[in-house]
Amino acid sequence: LALARAQRAQTARLLIETWNEPARNQVAKLGYHETGRWVFARKNLAMEPLTNGGRRVSGDERLTPARRTEVDLAWMTWTNGDLAYHGRLLFPEGWLFRLMTPHDLEQAVRSGRLWQCPSGLIIGGVDEDGVFDVSWVQTTDVDAPRLVKAIIDVADSLGAEKVEAMAPAAPWLADALEQYGFTLRPSS
């Protein structure tokens, strides 16, 4: 905290998994309180059940790379939506969180990591370990199941072995992830 104060930080946030009671008690004694919940979701694509004669059945929607022209609309819909509220406008970079900005979406377009489909948008891509990593999601309760299926499809099409996502723990998003076989680990 001394380093954060020296750099004029006004807020410090910690992410602690919900099962870690000793750490939760320790930070409560320091004056921290829960402001939001996140979920870490993981799916092994090698374990994806095959259907339709042994072939994996794709969803109705396809994620495609988004263009710069989508950034403003993505920002407006996200900042006014449930996921920004549940996530307190935070953007995860691994286990580090900071306030998201429109620049993050612009950077994602430039790096080919902003994807779109009718159900929503994501920031994601395959890392060096063959994991399709999703660090940002914009969707609604109605569209979440279709977006989750589209995430699985794009990850599979890019040769990823697993999908991992860090997302705000909106109950309807957690339900959609579980519906498509993701294992969830809640954090707050």
C-alpha atoms as a PDB file:
ATOM      1  CA  LEU A   1       0.000   0.000   0.000  1.00  0.00           C
ATOM      2  CA  ALA A   2       2.929   2.342   0.639  1.00  0.00           C
ATOM      3  CA  LEU A   3       3.968   2.043  -3.018  1.00  0.00           C
ATOM      4  CA  ALA A   4       0.411   2.758  -4.138  1.00  0.00           C
ATOM      5  CA  ARG A   5       0.243   5.836  -1.902  1.00  0.00           C
ATOM      6  CA  ALA A   6       3.601   7.052  -3.225  1.00  0.00           C
ATOM      7  CA  GLN A   7       2.180   6.847  -6.741  1.00  0.00           C
ATOM      8  CA  ARG A   8      -0.894   8.808  -5.611  1.00  0.00           C
ATOM      9  CA  ALA A   9      -3.320   5.904  -5.927  1.00  0.00           C
ATOM     10  CA  GLN A  10      -6.715   6.763  -4.490  1.00  0.00           C
ATOM     11  CA  THR A  11      -8.183   3.273  -4.479  1.00  0.00           C
ATOM     12  CA  ALA A  12      -6.782  -0.184  -3.805  1.00  0.00           C
ATOM     13  CA  ARG A  13      -8.738  -3.259  -4.818  1.00  0.00           C
ATOM     14  CA  LEU A  14      -7.995  -6.871  -3.999  1.00  0.00           C
ATOM     15  CA  LEU A  15      -9.352 -10.011  -5.619  1.00  0.00           C
ATOM     16  CA  ILE A  16      -9.736 -12.929  -3.248  1.00  0.00           C
ATOM     17  CA  GLU A  17     -11.301 -16.250  -4.072  1.00  0.00           C
ATOM     18  CA  THR A  18     -14.462 -16.821  -2.059  1.00  0.00           C
ATOM     19  CA  TRP A  19     -13.161 -20.058  -0.512  1.00  0.00           C
ATOM     20  CA  ASN A  20     -10.133 -18.264   1.027  1.00  0.00           C
ATOM     21  CA  GLU A  21     -11.645 -17.317   4.402  1.00  0.00           C
ATOM     22  CA  PRO A  22      -8.330 -16.505   6.138  1.00  0.00           C
ATOM     23  CA  ALA A  23      -7.401 -13.949   3.449  1.00  0.00           C
ATOM     24  CA  ARG A  24     -10.938 -12.519   3.432  1.00  0.00           C
ATOM     25  CA  ASN A  25     -10.831 -12.076   7.216  1.00  0.00           C
ATOM     26  CA  GLN A  26      -7.386 -10.481   7.064  1.00  0.00           C
ATOM     27  CA  VAL A  27      -8.370  -7.829   4.501  1.00  0.00           C
ATOM     28  CA  ALA A  28     -11.623  -7.137   6.367  1.00  0.00           C
ATOM     29  CA  LYS A  29      -9.516  -6.279   9.433  1.00  0.00           C
ATOM     30  CA  LEU A  30      -7.588  -3.816   7.231  1.00  0.00           C
ATOM     31  CA  GLY A  31     -10.851  -2.059   6.357  1.00  0.00           C
ATOM     32  CA  TYR A  32     -11.547  -3.537   2.916  1.00  0.00           C
ATOM     33  CA  HIS A  33     -15.078  -4.555   1.992  1.00  0.00           C
ATOM     34  CA  GLU A  34     -16.586  -6.483  -0.876  1.00  0.00           C
ATOM     35  CA  THR A  35     -17.626  -4.303  -3.792  1.00  0.00           C
ATOM     36  CA  GLY A  36     -18.119  -6.867  -6.503  1.00  0.00           C
ATOM     37  CA  ARG A  37     -17.866 -10.489  -7.444  1.00  0.00           C
ATOM     38  CA  TRP A  38     -16.041 -12.023 -10.376  1.00  0.00           C
ATOM     39  CA  VAL A  39     -15.964 -15.522 -11.722  1.00  0.00           C
ATOM     40  CA  PHE A  40     -13.057 -17.376 -13.276  1.00  0.00           C
ATOM     41  CA  ALA A  41     -14.442 -19.843 -15.822  1.00  0.00           C
ATOM     42  CA  ARG A  42     -12.573 -22.684 -17.508  1.00  0.00           C
ATOM     43  CA  LYS A  43     -13.538 -25.231 -20.142  1.00  0.00           C
ATOM     44  CA  ASN A  44     -11.373 -27.967 -21.612  1.00  0.00           C
ATOM     45  CA  LEU A  45     -12.297 -28.187 -25.307  1.00  0.00           C
ATOM     46  CA  ALA A  46     -10.773 -31.651 -25.588  1.00  0.00           C
ATOM     47  CA  MET A  47     -13.576 -32.801 -23.275  1.00  0.00           C
ATOM     48  CA  GLU A  48     -16.285 -31.241 -25.456  1.00  0.00           C
ATOM     49  CA  PRO A  49     -18.935 -33.918 -26.077  1.00  0.00           C
ATOM     50  CA  LEU A  50     -19.421 -34.914 -29.675  1.00  0.00           C
ATOM     51  CA  THR A  51     -22.902 -35.203 -31.137  1.00  0.00           C
ATOM     52  CA  ASN A  52     -24.507 -35.477 -34.544  1.00  0.00           C
ATOM     53  CA  GLY A  53     -22.599 -38.572 -35.655  1.00  0.00           C
ATOM     54  CA  GLY A  54     -19.383 -37.691 -33.792  1.00  0.00           C
ATOM     55  CA  ARG A  55     -19.044 -34.098 -34.980  1.00  0.00           C
ATOM     56  CA  ARG A  56     -19.179 -31.078 -32.741  1.00  0.00           C
ATOM     57  CA  VAL A  57     -22.270 -28.992 -33.469  1.00  0.00           C
ATOM     58  CA  SER A  58     -21.609 -25.267 -33.851  1.00  0.00           C
ATOM     59  CA  GLY A  59     -23.893 -22.559 -32.513  1.00  0.00           C
ATOM     60  CA  ASP A  60     -26.073 -20.243 -34.575  1.00  0.00           C
ATOM     61  CA  GLU A  61     -23.760 -17.231 -34.323  1.00  0.00           C
ATOM     62  CA  ARG A  62     -20.122 -16.668 -35.283  1.00  0.00           C
ATOM     63  CA  LEU A  63     -17.709 -14.273 -33.620  1.00  0.00           C
ATOM     64  CA  THR A  64     -15.798 -12.214 -36.183  1.00  0.00           C
ATOM     65  CA  PRO A  65     -13.052  -9.638 -35.656  1.00  0.00           C
ATOM     66  CA  ALA A  66     -14.560  -6.246 -34.807  1.00  0.00           C
ATOM     67  CA  ARG A  67     -13.566  -3.032 -36.545  1.00  0.00           C
ATOM     68  CA  ARG A  68     -12.686   0.325 -35.049  1.00  0.00           C
ATOM     69  CA  THR A  69     -16.168   1.565 -35.938  1.00  0.00           C
ATOM     70  CA  GLU A  70     -17.608  -0.790 -33.271  1.00  0.00           C
ATOM     71  CA  VAL A  71     -15.610   0.707 -30.390  1.00  0.00           C
ATOM     72  CA  ASP A  72     -17.894   3.633 -29.520  1.00  0.00           C
ATOM     73  CA  LEU A  73     -21.055   1.533 -29.548  1.00  0.00           C
ATOM     74  CA  ALA A  74     -19.331  -1.230 -27.569  1.00  0.00           C
ATOM     75  CA  TRP A  75     -18.206   1.291 -24.968  1.00  0.00           C
ATOM     76  CA  MET A  76     -21.657   2.883 -24.643  1.00  0.00           C
ATOM     77  CA  THR A  77     -23.522  -0.414 -24.332  1.00  0.00           C
ATOM     78  CA  TRP A  78     -21.017  -1.830 -21.850  1.00  0.00           C
ATOM     79  CA  THR A  79     -20.839   1.216 -19.569  1.00  0.00           C
ATOM     80  CA  ASN A  80     -24.641   1.282 -19.369  1.00  0.00           C
ATOM     81  CA  GLY A  81     -25.092  -2.468 -18.943  1.00  0.00           C
ATOM     82  CA  ASP A  82     -25.277  -5.050 -16.190  1.00  0.00           C
ATOM     83  CA  LEU A  83     -21.752  -6.375 -16.657  1.00  0.00           C
ATOM     84  CA  ALA A  84     -20.105  -2.992 -16.128  1.00  0.00           C
ATOM     85  CA  TYR A  85     -22.239  -2.577 -13.002  1.00  0.00           C
ATOM     86  CA  HIS A  86     -21.403  -6.039 -11.644  1.00  0.00           C
ATOM     87  CA  GLY A  87     -17.729  -5.586 -12.537  1.00  0.00           C
ATOM     88  CA  ARG A  88     -17.484  -2.005 -11.225  1.00  0.00           C
ATOM     89  CA  LEU A  89     -16.124  -0.845 -14.623  1.00  0.00           C
ATOM     90  CA  LEU A  90     -12.983  -2.909 -14.034  1.00  0.00           C
ATOM     91  CA  PHE A  91     -10.892  -4.650 -16.687  1.00  0.00           C
ATOM     92  CA  PRO A  92      -8.823  -7.702 -15.757  1.00  0.00           C
ATOM     93  CA  GLU A  93      -5.284  -8.180 -16.974  1.00  0.00           C
ATOM     94  CA  GLY A  94      -4.521 -11.581 -15.554  1.00  0.00           C
ATOM     95  CA  TRP A  95      -5.219 -11.179 -11.843  1.00  0.00           C
ATOM     96  CA  LEU A  96      -4.618  -7.420 -11.963  1.00  0.00           C
ATOM     97  CA  PHE A  97      -7.661  -5.145 -12.358  1.00  0.00           C
ATOM     98  CA  ARG A  98      -7.923  -1.510 -13.394  1.00  0.00           C
ATOM     99  CA  LEU A  99     -10.622   0.824 -14.669  1.00  0.00           C
ATOM    100  CA  MET A 100     -11.424   0.081 -18.289  1.00  0.00           C
ATOM    101  CA  THR A 101     -11.229   2.845 -20.893  1.00  0.00           C
ATOM    102  CA  PRO A 102     -12.265   3.119 -24.553  1.00  0.00           C
ATOM    103  CA  HIS A 103      -8.548   2.870 -25.338  1.00  0.00           C
ATOM    104  CA  ASP A 104      -8.675  -0.771 -24.178  1.00  0.00           C
ATOM    105  CA  LEU A 105     -11.240  -1.524 -26.875  1.00  0.00           C
ATOM    106  CA  GLU A 106      -9.216   0.354 -29.502  1.00  0.00           C
ATOM    107  CA  GLN A 107      -6.122  -1.611 -28.497  1.00  0.00           C
ATOM    108  CA  ALA A 108      -8.089  -4.850 -28.763  1.00  0.00           C
ATOM    109  CA  VAL A 109      -9.164  -3.948 -32.313  1.00  0.00           C
ATOM    110  CA  ARG A 110      -5.556  -3.214 -33.301  1.00  0.00           C
ATOM    111  CA  SER A 111      -4.347  -6.501 -31.858  1.00  0.00           C
ATOM    112  CA  GLY A 112      -7.198  -8.527 -33.402  1.00  0.00           C
ATOM    113  CA  ARG A 113      -8.626  -9.452 -29.993  1.00  0.00           C
ATOM    114  CA  LEU A 114     -12.010  -7.640 -30.154  1.00  0.00           C
ATOM    115  CA  TRP A 115     -14.637 -10.031 -31.481  1.00  0.00           C
ATOM    116  CA  GLN A 116     -18.318  -9.418 -32.237  1.00  0.00           C
ATOM    117  CA  CYS A 117     -21.497 -11.297 -33.074  1.00  0.00           C
ATOM    118  CA  PRO A 118     -25.188 -10.380 -32.783  1.00  0.00           C
ATOM    119  CA  SER A 119     -25.196 -11.563 -29.130  1.00  0.00           C
ATOM    120  CA  GLY A 120     -22.341  -9.363 -27.970  1.00  0.00           C
ATOM    121  CA  LEU A 121     -18.640  -8.634 -27.963  1.00  0.00           C
ATOM    122  CA  ILE A 122     -15.585 -10.069 -26.267  1.00  0.00           C
ATOM    123  CA  ILE A 123     -11.899  -9.350 -25.940  1.00  0.00           C
ATOM    124  CA  GLY A 124     -10.101 -12.638 -26.361  1.00  0.00           C
ATOM    125  CA  GLY A 125      -7.450 -14.594 -28.171  1.00  0.00           C
ATOM    126  CA  VAL A 126      -5.285 -17.685 -28.050  1.00  0.00           C
ATOM    127  CA  ASP A 127      -2.245 -17.367 -25.786  1.00  0.00           C
ATOM    128  CA  GLU A 128       1.100 -19.161 -26.066  1.00  0.00           C
ATOM    129  CA  ASP A 129      -0.260 -22.103 -24.024  1.00  0.00           C
ATOM    130  CA  GLY A 130      -3.105 -22.799 -26.467  1.00  0.00           C
ATOM    131  CA  VAL A 131      -5.728 -21.226 -24.194  1.00  0.00           C
ATOM    132  CA  PHE A 132      -8.387 -18.926 -25.626  1.00  0.00           C
ATOM    133  CA  ASP A 133      -8.373 -16.234 -22.935  1.00  0.00           C
ATOM    134  CA  VAL A 134     -11.463 -14.003 -22.596  1.00  0.00           C
ATOM    135  CA  SER A 135     -10.784 -10.874 -20.562  1.00  0.00           C
ATOM    136  CA  TRP A 136     -13.896  -8.811 -21.343  1.00  0.00           C
ATOM    137  CA  VAL A 137     -17.510  -9.597 -22.218  1.00  0.00           C
ATOM    138  CA  GLN A 138     -20.413  -7.434 -23.304  1.00  0.00           C
ATOM    139  CA  THR A 139     -23.781  -9.147 -23.615  1.00  0.00           C
ATOM    140  CA  THR A 140     -27.210  -9.287 -22.014  1.00  0.00           C
ATOM    141  CA  ASP A 141     -29.039 -11.880 -19.980  1.00  0.00           C
ATOM    142  CA  VAL A 142     -31.051 -12.934 -23.036  1.00  0.00           C
ATOM    143  CA  ASP A 143     -28.035 -13.177 -25.363  1.00  0.00           C
ATOM    144  CA  ALA A 144     -25.447 -14.687 -22.994  1.00  0.00           C
ATOM    145  CA  PRO A 145     -26.022 -18.374 -23.894  1.00  0.00           C
ATOM    146  CA  ARG A 146     -25.552 -17.690 -27.625  1.00  0.00           C
ATOM    147  CA  LEU A 147     -22.429 -15.619 -26.966  1.00  0.00           C
ATOM    148  CA  VAL A 148     -20.914 -18.334 -24.758  1.00  0.00           C
ATOM    149  CA  LYS A 149     -21.523 -20.909 -27.511  1.00  0.00           C
ATOM    150  CA  ALA A 150     -19.924 -18.539 -30.047  1.00  0.00           C
ATOM    151  CA  ILE A 151     -16.876 -18.193 -27.755  1.00  0.00           C
ATOM    152  CA  ILE A 152     -16.471 -21.975 -27.673  1.00  0.00           C
ATOM    153  CA  ASP A 153     -16.810 -22.124 -31.466  1.00  0.00           C
ATOM    154  CA  VAL A 154     -14.208 -19.435 -32.203  1.00  0.00           C
ATOM    155  CA  ALA A 155     -11.784 -20.922 -29.675  1.00  0.00           C
ATOM    156  CA  ASP A 156     -12.171 -24.346 -31.283  1.00  0.00           C
ATOM    157  CA  SER A 157     -11.764 -22.917 -34.797  1.00  0.00           C
ATOM    158  CA  LEU A 158      -8.480 -21.265 -33.715  1.00  0.00           C
ATOM    159  CA  GLY A 159      -7.138 -24.550 -32.337  1.00  0.00           C
ATOM    160  CA  ALA A 160      -7.346 -23.647 -28.654  1.00  0.00           C
ATOM    161  CA  GLU A 161      -7.270 -26.524 -26.185  1.00  0.00           C
ATOM    162  CA  LYS A 162      -9.066 -24.625 -23.412  1.00  0.00           C
ATOM    163  CA  VAL A 163     -11.159 -21.520 -22.870  1.00  0.00           C
ATOM    164  CA  GLU A 164     -10.618 -19.376 -19.787  1.00  0.00           C
ATOM    165  CA  ALA A 165     -12.591 -16.282 -18.893  1.00  0.00           C
ATOM    166  CA  MET A 166     -12.590 -13.749 -16.080  1.00  0.00           C
ATOM    167  CA  ALA A 167     -15.960 -12.033 -15.956  1.00  0.00           C
ATOM    168  CA  PRO A 168     -18.251 -10.177 -13.572  1.00  0.00           C
ATOM    169  CA  ALA A 169     -20.360 -12.684 -11.650  1.00  0.00           C
ATOM    170  CA  ALA A 170     -23.762 -11.662 -12.969  1.00  0.00           C
ATOM    171  CA  PRO A 171     -25.937 -14.691 -12.142  1.00  0.00           C
ATOM    172  CA  TRP A 172     -27.242 -14.997 -15.694  1.00  0.00           C
ATOM    173  CA  LEU A 173     -23.715 -15.003 -17.166  1.00  0.00           C
ATOM    174  CA  ALA A 174     -22.567 -17.641 -14.673  1.00  0.00           C
ATOM    175  CA  ASP A 175     -25.627 -19.727 -15.622  1.00  0.00           C
ATOM    176  CA  ALA A 176     -24.794 -19.448 -19.338  1.00  0.00           C
ATOM    177  CA  LEU A 177     -21.180 -20.484 -18.730  1.00  0.00           C
ATOM    178  CA  GLU A 178     -22.252 -23.488 -16.665  1.00  0.00           C
ATOM    179  CA  GLN A 179     -24.872 -24.417 -19.272  1.00  0.00           C
ATOM    180  CA  TYR A 180     -22.043 -24.929 -21.778  1.00  0.00           C
ATOM    181  CA  GLY A 181     -19.809 -26.918 -19.446  1.00  0.00           C
ATOM    182  CA  PHE A 182     -17.547 -24.290 -17.902  1.00  0.00           C
ATOM    183  CA  THR A 183     -16.193 -24.895 -14.405  1.00  0.00           C
ATOM    184  CA  LEU A 184     -16.580 -21.754 -12.288  1.00  0.00           C
ATOM    185  CA  ARG A 185     -14.473 -20.404  -9.435  1.00  0.00           C
ATOM    186  CA  PRO A 186     -15.999 -17.317  -7.793  1.00  0.00           C
ATOM    187  CA  SER A 187     -13.874 -14.470  -6.441  1.00  0.00           C
ATOM    188  CA  SER A 188     -14.639 -11.114  -4.864  1.00  0.00           C
END
